[in-house]
């Protein structure tokens, strides 16, 4: 994103993060944001903001870990800030697909696994901590290492994310 804070990039008239909050807030009891820059701006959204546990800023896996160790809930739904069209039944569908032996349920859009969209049970932070302590930062591999199930949504459009300004501009130009 050319050094810009991805969450604050405009999409269809408002920042990406506001779309995500609007999609997720009816589905959950509480929300927290992981951020390490522009903290006051994130706090202006009225949600608790949790920074990375250390100053490494080593990606989403550390952000997930940092939030998990600070929340007091039996289950956590993890989503990235750049998926403005998440399903309105995301949490319910993930929960419905979680079995008694799983510690995580990972979303699959019908074409590919979306490991940054997941439901996580308590205790997974220990596995994540082990990955981080070995210097591993790959969310995909870490999530697959958890005892998990997969929830199929068969809707790739609901999981579209944006990694460049060009992708964002192009998506806004589509009818």
C-alpha atoms as a PDB file:
ATOM      1  CA  UNK A   1       0.000   0.000   0.000  1.00  0.00           C
ATOM      2  CA  UNK A   2       2.939   2.298  -0.689  1.00  0.00           C
ATOM      3  CA  UNK A   3       3.651   2.687   3.027  1.00  0.00           C
ATOM      4  CA  UNK A   4       0.082   3.773   3.818  1.00  0.00           C
ATOM      5  CA  UNK A   5      -1.930   2.254   6.626  1.00  0.00           C
ATOM      6  CA  UNK A   6      -4.095  -0.294   4.784  1.00  0.00           C
ATOM      7  CA  UNK A   7      -7.086  -0.150   7.127  1.00  0.00           C
ATOM      8  CA  UNK A   8      -7.631   3.549   6.456  1.00  0.00           C
ATOM      9  CA  UNK A   9      -7.663   3.365   2.669  1.00  0.00           C
ATOM     10  CA  UNK A  10     -11.029   4.453   1.295  1.00  0.00           C
ATOM     11  CA  UNK A  11     -13.298   1.926  -0.355  1.00  0.00           C
ATOM     12  CA  UNK A  12     -16.762   2.890  -1.560  1.00  0.00           C
ATOM     13  CA  UNK A  13     -16.794   6.053   0.524  1.00  0.00           C
ATOM     14  CA  UNK A  14     -15.309   4.882   3.806  1.00  0.00           C
ATOM     15  CA  UNK A  15     -12.155   3.251   5.164  1.00  0.00           C
ATOM     16  CA  UNK A  16     -11.736  -0.493   4.702  1.00  0.00           C
ATOM     17  CA  UNK A  17     -11.730  -1.058   8.456  1.00  0.00           C
ATOM     18  CA  UNK A  18     -15.167   0.525   8.830  1.00  0.00           C
ATOM     19  CA  UNK A  19     -16.597  -1.962   6.338  1.00  0.00           C
ATOM     20  CA  UNK A  20     -15.089  -4.828   8.322  1.00  0.00           C
ATOM     21  CA  UNK A  21     -16.446  -3.483  11.618  1.00  0.00           C
ATOM     22  CA  UNK A  22     -19.921  -3.071  10.128  1.00  0.00           C
ATOM     23  CA  UNK A  23     -19.869  -6.633   8.789  1.00  0.00           C
ATOM     24  CA  UNK A  24     -18.551  -8.228  11.961  1.00  0.00           C
ATOM     25  CA  UNK A  25     -20.139  -6.232  14.790  1.00  0.00           C
ATOM     26  CA  UNK A  26     -23.638  -7.799  14.508  1.00  0.00           C
ATOM     27  CA  UNK A  27     -22.011 -11.230  14.722  1.00  0.00           C
ATOM     28  CA  UNK A  28     -19.883 -10.821  17.860  1.00  0.00           C
ATOM     29  CA  UNK A  29     -20.196  -9.537  21.419  1.00  0.00           C
ATOM     30  CA  UNK A  30     -16.943  -7.594  21.480  1.00  0.00           C
ATOM     31  CA  UNK A  31     -14.222  -6.515  19.070  1.00  0.00           C
ATOM     32  CA  UNK A  32     -10.580  -5.535  19.417  1.00  0.00           C
ATOM     33  CA  UNK A  33      -8.181  -4.148  16.855  1.00  0.00           C
ATOM     34  CA  UNK A  34      -4.516  -5.014  16.544  1.00  0.00           C
ATOM     35  CA  UNK A  35      -2.522  -1.947  15.503  1.00  0.00           C
ATOM     36  CA  UNK A  36       0.954  -0.551  16.004  1.00  0.00           C
ATOM     37  CA  UNK A  37       0.673   2.801  14.232  1.00  0.00           C
ATOM     38  CA  UNK A  38      -1.866   5.611  14.353  1.00  0.00           C
ATOM     39  CA  UNK A  39      -3.211   4.269  17.642  1.00  0.00           C
ATOM     40  CA  UNK A  40      -5.342   7.329  18.385  1.00  0.00           C
ATOM     41  CA  UNK A  41      -7.000   7.041  14.999  1.00  0.00           C
ATOM     42  CA  UNK A  42      -7.885   3.397  15.661  1.00  0.00           C
ATOM     43  CA  UNK A  43      -9.084   4.253  19.158  1.00  0.00           C
ATOM     44  CA  UNK A  44     -11.450   6.812  17.608  1.00  0.00           C
ATOM     45  CA  UNK A  45     -13.448   3.838  16.306  1.00  0.00           C
ATOM     46  CA  UNK A  46     -14.538   3.145  19.889  1.00  0.00           C
ATOM     47  CA  UNK A  47     -12.914  -0.264  20.124  1.00  0.00           C
ATOM     48  CA  UNK A  48     -10.051  -1.500  22.266  1.00  0.00           C
ATOM     49  CA  UNK A  49      -6.728  -1.346  20.429  1.00  0.00           C
ATOM     50  CA  UNK A  50      -4.024  -3.882  21.237  1.00  0.00           C
ATOM     51  CA  UNK A  51      -0.470  -3.431  19.996  1.00  0.00           C
ATOM     52  CA  UNK A  52       1.972  -6.213  19.272  1.00  0.00           C
ATOM     53  CA  UNK A  53       3.419  -7.892  22.329  1.00  0.00           C
ATOM     54  CA  UNK A  54       6.886  -6.799  21.306  1.00  0.00           C
ATOM     55  CA  UNK A  55       8.233  -4.166  18.970  1.00  0.00           C
ATOM     56  CA  UNK A  56       9.181  -6.573  16.177  1.00  0.00           C
ATOM     57  CA  UNK A  57       6.028  -5.828  14.154  1.00  0.00           C
ATOM     58  CA  UNK A  58       6.513  -9.170  12.515  1.00  0.00           C
ATOM     59  CA  UNK A  59       3.173  -9.514  10.811  1.00  0.00           C
ATOM     60  CA  UNK A  60      -0.320 -10.829  11.352  1.00  0.00           C
ATOM     61  CA  UNK A  61       0.648 -13.906  13.356  1.00  0.00           C
ATOM     62  CA  UNK A  62       2.146 -11.758  16.109  1.00  0.00           C
ATOM     63  CA  UNK A  63      -0.947  -9.523  15.955  1.00  0.00           C
ATOM     64  CA  UNK A  64      -3.230 -12.524  16.428  1.00  0.00           C
ATOM     65  CA  UNK A  65      -1.120 -13.777  19.329  1.00  0.00           C
ATOM     66  CA  UNK A  66      -1.036 -10.335  20.962  1.00  0.00           C
ATOM     67  CA  UNK A  67      -4.810 -10.065  20.881  1.00  0.00           C
ATOM     68  CA  UNK A  68      -5.420 -13.615  22.087  1.00  0.00           C
ATOM     69  CA  UNK A  69      -3.345 -13.147  25.230  1.00  0.00           C
ATOM     70  CA  UNK A  70      -5.262  -9.975  26.123  1.00  0.00           C
ATOM     71  CA  UNK A  71      -8.864 -10.963  25.519  1.00  0.00           C
ATOM     72  CA  UNK A  72     -11.144 -12.638  28.019  1.00  0.00           C
ATOM     73  CA  UNK A  73     -13.388 -14.759  25.861  1.00  0.00           C
ATOM     74  CA  UNK A  74     -13.957 -18.408  25.170  1.00  0.00           C
ATOM     75  CA  UNK A  75     -13.719 -18.024  21.428  1.00  0.00           C
ATOM     76  CA  UNK A  76     -12.170 -15.475  19.092  1.00  0.00           C
ATOM     77  CA  UNK A  77     -12.952 -14.660  15.484  1.00  0.00           C
ATOM     78  CA  UNK A  78      -9.976 -13.341  13.539  1.00  0.00           C
ATOM     79  CA  UNK A  79     -10.368 -11.290  10.354  1.00  0.00           C
ATOM     80  CA  UNK A  80      -8.048  -8.936   8.464  1.00  0.00           C
ATOM     81  CA  UNK A  81      -8.791  -5.244   8.007  1.00  0.00           C
ATOM     82  CA  UNK A  82      -8.902  -5.418   4.210  1.00  0.00           C
ATOM     83  CA  UNK A  83     -11.879  -7.720   3.545  1.00  0.00           C
ATOM     84  CA  UNK A  84     -14.828  -5.347   3.253  1.00  0.00           C
ATOM     85  CA  UNK A  85     -17.359  -7.934   2.039  1.00  0.00           C
ATOM     86  CA  UNK A  86     -17.124 -10.631   4.701  1.00  0.00           C
ATOM     87  CA  UNK A  87     -20.196 -12.880   4.921  1.00  0.00           C
ATOM     88  CA  UNK A  88     -22.995 -11.760   7.203  1.00  0.00           C
ATOM     89  CA  UNK A  89     -23.100 -15.318   8.613  1.00  0.00           C
ATOM     90  CA  UNK A  90     -19.326 -15.659   9.017  1.00  0.00           C
ATOM     91  CA  UNK A  91     -19.190 -16.404  12.749  1.00  0.00           C
ATOM     92  CA  UNK A  92     -22.277 -18.652  12.778  1.00  0.00           C
ATOM     93  CA  UNK A  93     -20.982 -20.694   9.834  1.00  0.00           C
ATOM     94  CA  UNK A  94     -17.522 -21.045  11.377  1.00  0.00           C
ATOM     95  CA  UNK A  95     -19.093 -22.149  14.682  1.00  0.00           C
ATOM     96  CA  UNK A  96     -21.379 -24.631  12.936  1.00  0.00           C
ATOM     97  CA  UNK A  97     -18.365 -26.254  11.298  1.00  0.00           C
ATOM     98  CA  UNK A  98     -16.210 -26.483  14.430  1.00  0.00           C
ATOM     99  CA  UNK A  99     -16.116 -29.999  15.845  1.00  0.00           C
ATOM    100  CA  UNK A 100     -15.367 -31.107  19.380  1.00  0.00           C
ATOM    101  CA  UNK A 101     -11.747 -32.043  18.583  1.00  0.00           C
ATOM    102  CA  UNK A 102     -10.879 -28.769  16.839  1.00  0.00           C
ATOM    103  CA  UNK A 103      -9.170 -25.731  18.309  1.00  0.00           C
ATOM    104  CA  UNK A 104      -9.763 -23.667  15.168  1.00  0.00           C
ATOM    105  CA  UNK A 105     -12.119 -23.399  12.231  1.00  0.00           C
ATOM    106  CA  UNK A 106     -10.639 -21.879   9.080  1.00  0.00           C
ATOM    107  CA  UNK A 107     -12.649 -20.251   6.303  1.00  0.00           C
ATOM    108  CA  UNK A 108     -12.457 -21.532   2.728  1.00  0.00           C
ATOM    109  CA  UNK A 109     -13.942 -19.262   0.072  1.00  0.00           C
ATOM    110  CA  UNK A 110     -14.688 -22.088  -2.347  1.00  0.00           C
ATOM    111  CA  UNK A 111     -11.451 -21.619  -4.250  1.00  0.00           C
ATOM    112  CA  UNK A 112      -8.824 -21.353  -1.553  1.00  0.00           C
ATOM    113  CA  UNK A 113      -8.258 -21.462   2.174  1.00  0.00           C
ATOM    114  CA  UNK A 114      -8.425 -18.106   3.968  1.00  0.00           C
ATOM    115  CA  UNK A 115      -6.378 -18.763   7.145  1.00  0.00           C
ATOM    116  CA  UNK A 116      -6.618 -15.135   8.293  1.00  0.00           C
ATOM    117  CA  UNK A 117     -10.355 -15.648   8.673  1.00  0.00           C
ATOM    118  CA  UNK A 118     -10.797 -18.091  11.494  1.00  0.00           C
ATOM    119  CA  UNK A 119     -12.451 -18.967  14.752  1.00  0.00           C
ATOM    120  CA  UNK A 120      -9.969 -19.816  17.514  1.00  0.00           C
ATOM    121  CA  UNK A 121     -10.520 -21.472  20.878  1.00  0.00           C
ATOM    122  CA  UNK A 122      -8.520 -20.775  24.044  1.00  0.00           C
ATOM    123  CA  UNK A 123      -5.104 -22.357  24.211  1.00  0.00           C
ATOM    124  CA  UNK A 124      -4.123 -21.825  20.578  1.00  0.00           C
ATOM    125  CA  UNK A 125      -1.933 -18.941  21.675  1.00  0.00           C
ATOM    126  CA  UNK A 126       0.519 -21.521  23.033  1.00  0.00           C
ATOM    127  CA  UNK A 127       0.964 -23.055  19.572  1.00  0.00           C
ATOM    128  CA  UNK A 128       1.252 -19.595  18.017  1.00  0.00           C
ATOM    129  CA  UNK A 129       3.828 -18.609  20.641  1.00  0.00           C
ATOM    130  CA  UNK A 130       5.891 -21.661  19.692  1.00  0.00           C
ATOM    131  CA  UNK A 131       5.845 -20.640  16.039  1.00  0.00           C
ATOM    132  CA  UNK A 132       6.858 -17.088  16.877  1.00  0.00           C
ATOM    133  CA  UNK A 133       9.650 -18.184  19.206  1.00  0.00           C
ATOM    134  CA  UNK A 134      11.162 -20.207  16.339  1.00  0.00           C
ATOM    135  CA  UNK A 135      11.071 -17.122  14.124  1.00  0.00           C
ATOM    136  CA  UNK A 136       8.244 -18.474  11.987  1.00  0.00           C
ATOM    137  CA  UNK A 137       5.710 -15.857  10.882  1.00  0.00           C
ATOM    138  CA  UNK A 138       3.583 -17.806   8.380  1.00  0.00           C
ATOM    139  CA  UNK A 139      -0.075 -17.652   9.380  1.00  0.00           C
ATOM    140  CA  UNK A 140      -1.107 -20.342   6.896  1.00  0.00           C
ATOM    141  CA  UNK A 141       1.265 -22.982   8.277  1.00  0.00           C
ATOM    142  CA  UNK A 142       0.564 -22.095  11.882  1.00  0.00           C
ATOM    143  CA  UNK A 143      -3.208 -22.333  11.456  1.00  0.00           C
ATOM    144  CA  UNK A 144      -2.886 -25.668   9.655  1.00  0.00           C
ATOM    145  CA  UNK A 145      -0.783 -26.965  12.563  1.00  0.00           C
ATOM    146  CA  UNK A 146      -3.707 -26.413  14.940  1.00  0.00           C
ATOM    147  CA  UNK A 147      -6.309 -29.150  15.308  1.00  0.00           C
ATOM    148  CA  UNK A 148      -8.809 -27.581  12.906  1.00  0.00           C
ATOM    149  CA  UNK A 149     -11.819 -27.917  10.686  1.00  0.00           C
ATOM    150  CA  UNK A 150     -12.601 -25.974   7.528  1.00  0.00           C
ATOM    151  CA  UNK A 151     -15.822 -24.078   6.823  1.00  0.00           C
ATOM    152  CA  UNK A 152     -16.657 -23.793   3.123  1.00  0.00           C
ATOM    153  CA  UNK A 153     -18.445 -20.621   2.077  1.00  0.00           C
ATOM    154  CA  UNK A 154     -18.333 -21.058  -1.710  1.00  0.00           C
ATOM    155  CA  UNK A 155     -18.284 -17.286  -2.176  1.00  0.00           C
ATOM    156  CA  UNK A 156     -14.833 -16.012  -3.232  1.00  0.00           C
ATOM    157  CA  UNK A 157     -16.189 -12.459  -3.575  1.00  0.00           C
ATOM    158  CA  UNK A 158     -16.881 -12.286   0.160  1.00  0.00           C
ATOM    159  CA  UNK A 159     -13.192 -12.802   0.885  1.00  0.00           C
ATOM    160  CA  UNK A 160     -11.672 -10.364  -1.585  1.00  0.00           C
ATOM    161  CA  UNK A 161      -8.870  -8.409   0.026  1.00  0.00           C
ATOM    162  CA  UNK A 162      -6.645  -5.597  -1.161  1.00  0.00           C
ATOM    163  CA  UNK A 163      -2.867  -5.540  -1.000  1.00  0.00           C
ATOM    164  CA  UNK A 164      -2.142  -2.661  -3.370  1.00  0.00           C
ATOM    165  CA  UNK A 165      -3.643   0.723  -4.120  1.00  0.00           C
ATOM    166  CA  UNK A 166      -4.159  -0.411  -7.721  1.00  0.00           C
ATOM    167  CA  UNK A 167      -6.258  -3.369  -6.595  1.00  0.00           C
ATOM    168  CA  UNK A 168      -8.346  -1.057  -4.448  1.00  0.00           C
ATOM    169  CA  UNK A 169      -8.857   1.482  -7.243  1.00  0.00           C
ATOM    170  CA  UNK A 170      -9.722  -1.229  -9.754  1.00  0.00           C
ATOM    171  CA  UNK A 171     -12.333  -2.778  -7.422  1.00  0.00           C
ATOM    172  CA  UNK A 172     -14.024   0.587  -6.917  1.00  0.00           C
ATOM    173  CA  UNK A 173     -14.286   1.129 -10.678  1.00  0.00           C
ATOM    174  CA  UNK A 174     -16.238  -2.087 -11.247  1.00  0.00           C
ATOM    175  CA  UNK A 175     -19.991  -1.582 -11.766  1.00  0.00           C
END
